[in-house]
Amino acid sequence: MNKFSIIFSAVSAIIFSLNIGAVSANDTFDKHCASCHNGGGNLINPQKTLSKQHLADNGVDNIGSISAVISNGKPPMPAFGKSLSDKEIADVAQFVLDQAAAGWK
């Protein structure tokens, strides 16, 4: 085994070990959000979907504002700031923006 192979193997092992147990933003969304926002909709209020247009209309069309709603809630939506980490919240906010831009396909 040459020096490059040893280094590559070691780096790969470290990256793999860091990703064990990592949950994707999609998984977090499915677990905590999809019951009301499946496919970007809104079961409670159809005028506040997670579509790109509704996000803009309601002033929650960037990472910061979406993260704030996820963290603090907005009745009737519960707050998730105590049950999700800051990283999970930011990742879900980015997921929502990405899905909105793609039309929730």
Protein backbone atom coordinates (compact mmCIF):
# COMPACT_ATOMS: atom_id res chain seq x y z
CA MET A 1 0.00 0.00 0.00
CA ASN A 2 1.43 3.37 -0.96
CA LYS A 3 1.38 6.51 1.16
CA PHE A 4 -1.56 8.02 -0.76
CA SER A 5 -3.69 4.91 -0.23
CA ILE A 6 -3.03 4.91 3.50
CA ILE A 7 -3.92 8.59 3.85
CA PHE A 8 -7.01 8.19 1.65
CA SER A 9 -8.18 5.20 3.71
CA ALA A 10 -7.68 7.05 6.97
CA VAL A 11 -9.53 10.16 5.77
CA SER A 12 -12.37 8.03 4.38
CA ALA A 13 -12.71 6.20 7.69
CA ILE A 14 -12.89 9.48 9.60
CA ILE A 15 -15.51 10.94 7.27
CA PHE A 16 -17.55 7.74 7.44
CA SER A 17 -17.42 7.68 11.23
CA LEU A 18 -18.56 11.32 11.43
CA ASN A 19 -21.58 10.54 9.25
CA ILE A 20 -22.74 7.52 11.25
CA GLY A 21 -25.92 8.46 12.98
CA ALA A 22 -26.27 11.67 10.99
CA VAL A 23 -29.86 12.37 10.05
CA SER A 24 -30.63 14.16 6.82
CA ALA A 25 -32.72 17.32 6.71
CA ASN A 26 -35.24 15.35 4.68
CA ASP A 27 -35.52 12.79 7.49
CA THR A 28 -35.88 15.54 10.10
CA PHE A 29 -38.55 17.24 8.00
CA ASP A 30 -40.39 13.94 7.55
CA LYS A 31 -40.30 13.24 11.28
CA HIS A 32 -41.27 16.67 12.61
CA CYS A 33 -42.92 18.65 9.81
CA ALA A 34 -44.49 16.44 7.16
CA SER A 35 -47.61 15.63 9.19
CA CYS A 36 -48.77 19.22 8.53
CA HIS A 37 -46.51 20.21 5.63
CA ASN A 38 -46.42 17.07 3.48
CA GLY A 39 -45.19 17.94 0.00
CA GLY A 40 -44.83 21.58 1.02
CA GLY A 41 -48.51 22.03 1.76
CA ASN A 42 -50.18 23.22 4.93
CA LEU A 43 -52.88 21.03 6.43
CA ILE A 44 -54.04 23.75 8.84
CA ASN A 45 -53.86 26.91 6.69
CA PRO A 46 -53.75 26.44 2.89
CA GLN A 47 -52.64 30.09 2.50
CA LYS A 48 -49.39 29.41 4.33
CA THR A 49 -47.88 26.55 2.38
CA LEU A 50 -44.16 26.11 1.92
CA SER A 51 -44.37 27.10 -1.74
CA LYS A 52 -41.91 29.72 -2.92
CA GLN A 53 -44.76 32.22 -3.45
CA HIS A 54 -46.41 31.67 -0.05
CA LEU A 55 -43.07 31.83 1.75
CA ALA A 56 -42.40 35.21 0.10
CA ASP A 57 -45.96 36.44 0.71
CA ASN A 58 -45.63 35.59 4.41
CA GLY A 59 -42.12 37.03 4.83
CA VAL A 60 -40.42 33.72 5.57
CA ASP A 61 -38.34 33.24 2.45
CA ASN A 62 -34.79 33.06 3.80
CA ILE A 63 -32.81 30.82 6.13
CA GLY A 64 -33.04 33.18 9.09
CA SER A 65 -36.79 33.71 9.01
CA ILE A 66 -37.58 30.05 8.33
CA SER A 67 -35.20 29.00 11.11
CA ALA A 68 -36.93 31.42 13.50
CA VAL A 69 -40.35 29.95 12.74
CA ILE A 70 -39.03 26.40 13.16
CA SER A 71 -37.29 27.30 16.41
CA ASN A 72 -39.97 29.52 18.00
CA GLY A 73 -43.09 28.19 16.35
CA LYS A 74 -45.99 30.30 15.15
CA PRO A 75 -49.42 29.23 16.41
CA PRO A 76 -50.76 26.73 15.73
CA MET A 77 -47.29 25.41 14.76
CA PRO A 78 -45.28 24.29 17.79
CA ALA A 79 -41.74 25.45 18.54
CA PHE A 80 -38.98 22.97 17.80
CA GLY A 81 -36.10 24.97 19.32
CA LYS A 82 -35.81 22.67 22.31
CA SER A 83 -36.17 19.40 20.41
CA LEU A 84 -33.92 20.15 17.42
CA SER A 85 -30.34 21.39 17.38
CA ASP A 86 -29.41 24.69 15.73
CA LYS A 87 -27.81 22.69 12.91
CA GLU A 88 -30.92 20.58 12.40
CA ILE A 89 -33.06 23.72 12.29
CA ALA A 90 -30.74 25.41 9.77
CA ASP A 91 -30.60 22.23 7.67
CA VAL A 92 -34.40 21.93 7.61
CA ALA A 93 -34.71 25.63 6.73
CA GLN A 94 -32.32 25.10 3.80
CA PHE A 95 -34.25 21.96 2.81
CA VAL A 96 -37.51 23.97 2.77
CA LEU A 97 -35.93 26.69 0.60
CA ASP A 98 -34.45 24.13 -1.78
CA GLN A 99 -37.73 22.22 -2.08
CA ALA A 100 -39.71 25.45 -2.58
CA ALA A 101 -37.34 26.49 -5.36
CA ALA A 102 -37.82 23.07 -6.98
CA GLY A 103 -41.60 23.24 -6.65
CA TRP A 104 -41.69 20.50 -3.98
CA LYS A 105 -41.14 17.69 -6.46
